[in-house]
Protein backbone atom coordinates (compact mmCIF):
# COMPACT_ATOMS: atom_id res chain seq x y z
CA MET A 1 122.04 240.50 23.10
CA ILE A 2 119.05 241.75 21.10
CA ASP A 3 119.43 242.49 17.21
CA PHE A 4 117.35 244.94 15.11
CA ASP A 5 116.65 244.54 11.35
CA PRO A 6 115.75 247.57 10.34
CA GLN A 7 114.35 246.15 7.04
CA THR A 8 111.73 244.11 8.70
CA LEU A 9 111.45 246.19 11.82
CA ALA A 10 111.91 243.08 13.96
CA PHE A 11 113.99 242.56 17.18
CA SER A 12 115.33 239.14 17.86
CA GLN A 13 117.21 237.35 20.55
CA LYS A 14 119.27 234.23 20.01
CA ASN A 15 121.22 231.83 22.10
CA GLY A 16 124.26 231.00 19.92
CA GLU A 17 122.32 230.14 16.51
CA GLU A 18 119.22 229.24 18.04
CA LEU A 19 116.40 231.81 18.07
CA THR A 20 115.10 232.17 21.74
CA ALA A 21 112.66 235.37 21.01
CA LYS A 22 111.62 237.78 18.46
CA LEU A 23 109.29 240.86 18.41
CA THR A 24 107.78 242.04 15.19
CA CYS A 25 106.87 245.32 14.60
CA THR A 26 105.14 247.66 11.85
CA LEU A 27 105.65 251.29 11.43
CA LEU A 28 102.29 253.17 10.60
CA ALA A 29 101.73 254.93 7.44
CA ASP A 30 101.97 258.18 9.00
CA ARG A 31 105.41 257.00 10.29
CA GLN A 32 105.02 258.31 13.79
CA VAL A 33 103.73 255.10 15.42
CA LEU A 34 105.65 251.78 16.04
CA VAL A 35 103.02 248.71 16.37
CA LEU A 36 104.22 245.83 18.36
CA ASN A 37 102.58 243.17 16.72
CA HIS A 38 103.73 239.86 17.99
CA ILE A 39 106.19 238.34 20.57
CA PHE A 40 107.46 234.63 19.64
CA ILE A 41 109.13 232.84 22.37
CA ASN A 42 111.00 229.60 21.40
CA PRO A 43 108.99 226.91 23.12
CA ALA A 44 112.47 225.37 24.63
CA VAL A 45 112.65 228.80 26.66
CA GLN A 46 109.11 229.00 27.68
CA ASN A 47 110.23 229.41 31.44
CA GLN A 48 111.70 232.93 30.64
CA THR A 49 108.73 234.13 28.66
CA GLY A 50 108.39 237.38 30.76
CA GLN A 51 111.86 238.21 31.00
CA LEU A 52 112.51 237.93 27.22
CA GLY A 53 109.30 239.73 26.12
CA ILE A 54 110.40 242.48 28.28
CA GLY A 55 114.11 242.77 26.84
CA LEU A 56 112.48 242.78 23.21
CA VAL A 57 109.98 245.70 24.57
CA LYS A 58 112.80 247.67 26.04
CA ALA A 59 114.75 247.38 22.74
CA ALA A 60 111.80 248.80 20.87
CA LEU A 61 111.40 251.48 23.71
CA SER A 62 114.87 252.49 22.94
CA TYR A 63 114.51 252.68 19.13
CA ALA A 64 111.29 254.41 19.30
CA GLN A 65 112.81 257.39 21.65
CA GLU A 66 115.66 257.49 19.09
CA LYS A 67 113.15 257.96 16.24
CA GLN A 68 110.69 259.99 18.48
CA LEU A 69 108.12 257.34 17.55
CA LYS A 70 104.79 256.56 19.80
CA LEU A 71 104.48 252.75 20.45
CA TRP A 72 101.16 250.66 20.21
CA PRO A 73 101.16 247.19 21.69
CA LEU A 74 98.92 245.16 19.69
CA GLY A 75 99.74 241.49 20.57
CA PRO A 76 98.94 240.12 24.00
CA ALA A 77 102.41 239.54 25.07
CA ALA A 78 103.87 242.72 23.78
CA LEU A 79 100.75 244.49 25.81
CA ALA A 80 101.61 242.56 28.79
CA ALA A 81 105.43 243.40 28.76
CA CYS A 82 104.68 247.04 28.03
CA GLN A 83 102.43 247.18 31.35
CA SER A 84 105.39 246.42 33.43
CA ILE A 85 107.70 249.07 31.89
CA PRO A 86 106.56 252.64 33.04
CA ALA A 87 108.64 254.34 30.45
CA VAL A 88 106.81 252.38 27.47
CA GLN A 89 103.52 253.49 29.14
CA ALA A 90 104.41 257.39 28.31
CA ARG A 91 105.05 256.69 24.69
CA TRP A 92 101.39 255.49 24.19
């Protein structure tokens, strides 16, 4: 399950108490664009990097659709995950 913290604009996934992945975001000053800054993947689950990144980006996509925001993938992992999800490309 992916949790969202509206205070920090971060999406995170845990396995029990252990953080497995986190996507940090920034809302641009005009409040129309959600920047996907960085995806952290816990080294203990490196073999699931693509799957975890895609899950986090899908959660960010849902948030962006709900708030009518465009997405801007900034980090290389965020960009790679976005390129594999056609619905995300429509929000660029």
